[in-house]
Amino acid sequence: MATTQRVDGSLYTKIENRIATIEFGHPASNSFPGILLARLTEAINTLSNNPDVSIIVLKSEGEAAFCAGASFNELLAVSTLDEGAVFFGGFANVINTMRNCSKLIIGRIQGKAVGGGVGLAAACDYALATEGSAIKLSEFTIGIGPFVIAPAVERKMGKAALSELTLAAQEWKNAYWAQEKGLYAKVFETIKELDTELDIFTSKLASYNPEALAAMKQVLWEGTDDWDTLLADRAKISGRLVLSDFSRQALAKLKP
């Protein structure tokens, strides 16, 4: 299936057999403009309060990239500290919403993830991927850093992996490396195999006691109560850095 051609992207939610599937898409490699991040935040909040849902699956459209992170065009448009904090706060809000959600969130990662896309995968409680699901944190190359998503990546993969991804900013890490570090639970050769396992796994999960699932969700995220403040503060750091001369010059070179 081709990705949406809508400028602001698309987001659809389907509920079947206590499993809610959120599917997002954007013509620019499933990247996220601010409005789409807000819609994702709202969708997760709504499902968190839905008694007919036990499990959430997060996926993106198409068979290419899983998520290219935040919108490049919106990044280019940031011109003030307040705009920068709001821009980077979009992913902060999504990660905190995923963290606070009462439902376990399963990631279906069918392709490459960059920047905020890696953060989304890390904020899932369990992620299944394909061999093509390489990851990269390229923020250093444009004068900023993965400050907002770093807590989620470190929680899932450890500080050493976060350091390696951040410092080797131009280097892709393959899906098996990501699995070894804990980002992915399983890696499959094809999308068909991924989806087969996803159906089996989520069906089993959805058959378990919803109260036990919700209690386990809380256990998995213990020690993250400060993230509402932490991620907002991190967004301000990135918002300041993106206005630096270094960042402006680096972005100008990448501008289409």
Protein backbone atom coordinates (compact mmCIF):
# COMPACT_ATOMS: atom_id res chain seq x y z
CA MET A 1 0.00 0.00 0.00
CA ALA A 2 1.38 3.43 -0.93
CA THR A 3 1.70 6.10 1.72
CA THR A 4 -0.78 8.95 1.85
CA GLN A 5 -0.27 12.05 -0.27
CA ARG A 6 -1.90 14.39 2.24
CA VAL A 7 0.41 17.26 3.18
CA ASP A 8 -0.47 16.94 6.88
CA GLY A 9 -0.32 13.15 6.76
CA SER A 10 -2.97 10.66 7.79
CA LEU A 11 -3.89 8.70 10.89
CA TYR A 12 -6.48 5.95 11.22
CA THR A 13 -7.59 3.85 14.16
CA LYS A 14 -9.25 0.43 13.91
CA ILE A 15 -10.50 -1.66 16.83
CA GLU A 16 -11.08 -5.39 16.45
CA ASN A 17 -11.12 -8.16 19.07
CA ARG A 18 -9.88 -5.79 21.80
CA ILE A 19 -6.88 -4.81 19.66
CA ALA A 20 -6.65 -1.19 18.51
CA THR A 21 -4.43 -0.48 15.52
CA ILE A 22 -3.17 3.05 14.92
CA GLU A 23 -1.77 3.57 11.43
CA PHE A 24 -0.02 6.82 10.53
CA GLY A 25 1.33 7.97 7.19
CA HIS A 26 3.01 10.89 5.46
CA PRO A 27 4.37 11.27 1.91
CA ALA A 28 7.80 12.26 3.27
CA SER A 29 8.86 8.80 4.50
CA ASN A 30 6.15 8.73 7.19
CA SER A 31 7.60 11.76 8.96
CA PHE A 32 5.57 13.79 11.45
CA PRO A 33 4.41 17.39 11.07
CA GLY A 34 3.20 18.90 14.33
CA ILE A 35 -0.48 18.41 13.53
CA LEU A 36 0.04 14.67 12.98
CA LEU A 37 1.95 14.32 16.26
CA ALA A 38 -0.98 16.02 18.00
CA ARG A 39 -3.42 13.62 16.35
CA LEU A 40 -1.34 10.63 17.45
CA THR A 41 -1.22 11.95 21.01
CA GLU A 42 -5.00 12.37 21.01
CA ALA A 43 -5.60 8.91 19.53
CA ILE A 44 -3.46 7.19 22.16
CA ASN A 45 -5.15 9.13 24.98
CA THR A 46 -8.58 8.13 23.67
CA LEU A 47 -7.65 4.45 23.45
CA SER A 48 -6.10 4.56 26.92
CA ASN A 49 -9.58 5.30 28.30
CA ASN A 50 -11.46 2.81 26.12
CA PRO A 51 -12.56 -0.24 28.17
CA ASP A 52 -13.04 -2.25 24.96
CA VAL A 53 -9.34 -2.06 24.13
CA SER A 54 -6.63 -4.20 25.74
CA ILE A 55 -3.72 -3.75 23.32
CA ILE A 56 -2.58 -1.00 20.94
CA VAL A 57 -0.59 -1.68 17.76
CA LEU A 58 1.36 1.25 16.33
CA LYS A 59 2.26 0.99 12.64
CA SER A 60 2.95 3.16 9.62
CA GLU A 61 1.73 3.02 6.03
CA GLY A 62 3.48 1.36 3.14
CA GLU A 63 6.40 -1.01 2.93
CA ALA A 64 9.29 1.48 2.98
CA ALA A 65 10.34 3.65 5.93
CA PHE A 66 8.69 3.18 9.31
CA CYS A 67 9.25 6.80 10.33
CA ALA A 68 11.68 9.52 9.29
CA GLY A 69 11.12 11.53 12.46
CA ALA A 70 9.89 15.10 12.64
CA SER A 71 8.91 17.17 9.61
CA PHE A 72 11.96 18.66 7.90
CA ASN A 73 9.96 21.56 6.47
CA GLU A 74 8.65 22.51 9.90
CA LEU A 75 12.16 22.25 11.34
CA LEU A 76 13.36 24.72 8.69
CA ALA A 77 10.56 27.12 9.66
CA VAL A 78 11.52 27.37 13.37
CA SER A 79 12.58 30.97 14.01
CA THR A 80 12.14 31.60 17.76
CA LEU A 81 12.89 29.81 21.01
CA ASP A 82 9.18 29.35 21.68
CA GLU A 83 8.61 27.85 18.23
CA GLY A 84 11.56 25.52 18.78
CA ALA A 85 10.21 24.31 22.13
CA VAL A 86 6.78 23.67 20.58
CA PHE A 87 8.26 21.87 17.57
CA PHE A 88 10.41 19.47 19.61
CA GLY A 89 7.69 19.23 22.24
CA GLY A 90 5.54 17.34 19.74
CA PHE A 91 7.56 14.15 20.12
CA ALA A 92 7.88 14.79 23.87
CA ASN A 93 4.09 14.77 24.13
CA VAL A 94 3.75 11.56 22.12
CA ILE A 95 6.40 9.71 24.16
CA ASN A 96 4.85 10.81 27.44
CA THR A 97 1.40 9.81 26.19
CA MET A 98 2.71 6.37 25.22
CA ARG A 99 4.36 6.11 28.65
CA ASN A 100 1.20 7.11 30.53
CA CYS A 101 -1.16 5.06 28.36
CA SER A 102 -2.93 2.35 30.35
CA LYS A 103 -2.61 -0.11 27.44
CA LEU A 104 0.48 -1.97 26.30
CA ILE A 105 1.69 -0.64 22.94
CA ILE A 106 3.16 -3.00 20.35
CA GLY A 107 5.27 -1.53 17.57
CA ARG A 108 5.16 -2.92 14.02
CA ILE A 109 8.41 -1.67 12.51
CA GLN A 110 8.48 -2.58 8.80
CA GLY A 111 11.32 -0.30 7.65
CA LYS A 112 13.97 2.24 8.55
CA ALA A 113 13.56 4.61 11.49
CA VAL A 114 15.43 7.88 11.95
CA GLY A 115 15.51 10.30 14.89
CA GLY A 116 12.04 10.59 16.35
CA GLY A 117 11.09 7.37 14.58
CA VAL A 118 13.63 5.55 16.76
CA GLY A 119 12.08 7.30 19.75
CA LEU A 120 8.64 5.99 18.81
CA ALA A 121 9.94 2.43 18.52
CA ALA A 122 11.70 2.77 21.88
CA ALA A 123 8.55 4.08 23.56
CA CYS A 124 6.63 0.97 22.50
CA ASP A 125 6.40 -1.72 25.17
CA TYR A 126 7.30 -4.43 22.64
CA ALA A 127 8.40 -4.11 19.04
CA LEU A 128 8.55 -6.52 16.11
CA ALA A 129 10.59 -5.60 13.05
CA THR A 130 11.84 -6.72 9.64
CA GLU A 131 15.42 -7.09 8.45
CA GLY A 132 15.03 -3.76 6.70
CA SER A 133 14.32 -1.88 9.92
CA ALA A 134 17.69 -0.19 10.34
CA ILE A 135 17.96 2.78 12.71
CA LYS A 136 19.93 6.02 12.85
CA LEU A 137 20.12 9.07 15.11
CA SER A 138 21.42 11.72 12.74
CA GLU A 139 20.70 14.81 14.85
CA PHE A 140 24.37 15.78 15.33
CA THR A 141 24.70 16.25 11.57
CA ILE A 142 22.28 19.20 11.69
CA GLY A 143 23.63 20.80 14.84
CA ILE A 144 21.21 19.42 17.42
CA GLY A 145 20.97 16.14 19.37
CA PRO A 146 18.39 13.44 20.18
CA PHE A 147 17.67 15.07 23.53
CA VAL A 148 13.90 14.52 23.64
CA ILE A 149 13.97 10.85 22.66
CA ALA A 150 17.17 9.99 24.55
CA PRO A 151 15.40 8.91 27.78
CA ALA A 152 13.19 6.48 25.84
CA VAL A 153 16.12 5.09 23.84
CA GLU A 154 18.29 4.75 26.94
CA ARG A 155 15.51 3.04 28.90
CA LYS A 156 15.08 0.43 26.19
CA MET A 157 18.64 0.01 24.87
CA GLY A 158 20.98 1.33 27.56
CA LYS A 159 23.28 4.34 27.69
CA ALA A 160 26.06 2.64 25.71
CA ALA A 161 23.76 2.02 22.75
CA LEU A 162 22.38 5.57 23.00
CA SER A 163 25.94 6.89 22.93
CA GLU A 164 26.90 4.76 19.95
CA LEU A 165 23.83 5.80 17.97
CA THR A 166 24.22 9.49 18.82
CA LEU A 167 27.94 9.85 18.21
CA ALA A 168 27.98 7.79 15.00
CA ALA A 169 25.38 10.16 13.61
CA GLN A 170 25.86 9.21 9.95
CA GLU A 171 25.89 5.47 10.53
CA TRP A 172 22.97 3.12 10.09
CA LYS A 173 22.65 0.28 12.62
CA ASN A 174 20.94 -2.79 11.22
CA ALA A 175 17.85 -4.46 12.68
CA TYR A 176 19.80 -7.30 14.28
CA TRP A 177 22.01 -4.81 16.11
CA ALA A 178 18.86 -3.08 17.33
CA GLN A 179 17.45 -6.43 18.46
CA GLU A 180 20.67 -7.31 20.30
CA LYS A 181 20.46 -3.98 22.14
CA GLY A 182 16.82 -4.54 23.13
CA LEU A 183 14.93 -2.21 20.80
CA TYR A 184 13.28 -5.04 18.87
CA ALA A 185 12.00 -8.26 20.45
CA LYS A 186 12.07 -10.19 17.16
CA VAL A 187 13.27 -9.54 13.60
CA PHE A 188 11.72 -11.20 10.53
CA GLU A 189 12.92 -11.60 6.94
CA THR A 190 9.69 -10.35 5.38
CA ILE A 191 6.76 -8.09 6.21
CA LYS A 192 4.43 -11.06 5.70
CA GLU A 193 6.24 -13.02 8.42
CA LEU A 194 6.19 -9.95 10.65
CA ASP A 195 2.44 -9.55 10.28
CA THR A 196 1.77 -13.23 10.87
CA GLU A 197 3.66 -13.13 14.16
CA LEU A 198 2.07 -9.79 15.07
CA ASP A 199 -1.42 -11.27 14.70
CA ILE A 200 -0.55 -14.32 16.81
CA PHE A 201 1.21 -12.30 19.50
CA THR A 202 -1.41 -9.57 19.89
CA SER A 203 -4.28 -12.07 19.88
CA LYS A 204 -2.67 -13.90 22.77
CA LEU A 205 -2.02 -10.68 24.68
CA ALA A 206 -5.56 -9.46 24.14
CA SER A 207 -6.90 -12.70 25.66
CA TYR A 208 -5.19 -12.04 29.00
CA ASN A 209 -6.69 -10.29 32.02
CA PRO A 210 -6.93 -6.56 31.13
CA GLU A 211 -6.22 -5.61 34.74
CA ALA A 212 -3.02 -7.64 34.74
CA LEU A 213 -1.94 -6.04 31.46
CA ALA A 214 -2.59 -2.54 32.83
CA ALA A 215 -0.73 -3.29 36.05
CA MET A 216 2.25 -4.62 34.08
CA LYS A 217 2.28 -1.47 31.98
CA GLN A 218 2.78 0.56 35.15
CA VAL A 219 5.56 -1.72 36.33
CA LEU A 220 7.41 -1.44 33.01
CA TRP A 221 7.49 2.35 33.26
CA GLU A 222 8.40 2.70 36.93
CA GLY A 223 10.95 5.43 37.57
CA THR A 224 9.84 7.69 34.72
CA ASP A 225 7.51 10.00 36.65
CA ASP A 226 9.77 12.99 35.98
CA TRP A 227 9.54 12.67 32.19
CA ASP A 228 6.77 15.25 31.80
CA THR A 229 9.21 17.89 33.00
CA LEU A 230 12.37 16.22 31.68
CA LEU A 231 11.22 15.90 28.07
CA ALA A 232 9.84 19.45 28.02
CA ASP A 233 13.21 20.72 29.23
CA ARG A 234 14.97 18.63 26.58
CA ALA A 235 12.70 20.11 23.90
CA LYS A 236 13.88 23.58 24.92
CA ILE A 237 17.52 22.50 24.49
CA SER A 238 16.88 21.32 20.95
CA GLY A 239 14.78 24.43 20.26
CA ARG A 240 17.72 26.62 21.23
CA LEU A 241 20.29 24.63 19.28
CA VAL A 242 18.29 24.60 16.06
CA LEU A 243 18.55 28.39 15.99
CA SER A 244 22.36 28.28 16.19
CA ASP A 245 24.47 29.38 13.23
CA PHE A 246 25.82 25.84 12.88
CA SER A 247 22.34 24.36 12.63
CA ARG A 248 21.04 27.03 10.26
CA GLN A 249 23.98 26.46 7.89
CA ALA A 250 23.65 22.66 8.06
CA LEU A 251 19.91 22.82 7.34
CA ALA A 252 20.43 25.25 4.47
CA LYS A 253 22.69 22.69 2.76
CA LEU A 254 19.99 20.04 3.05
CA LYS A 255 17.13 22.23 1.89
CA PRO A 256 15.62 20.92 -1.38
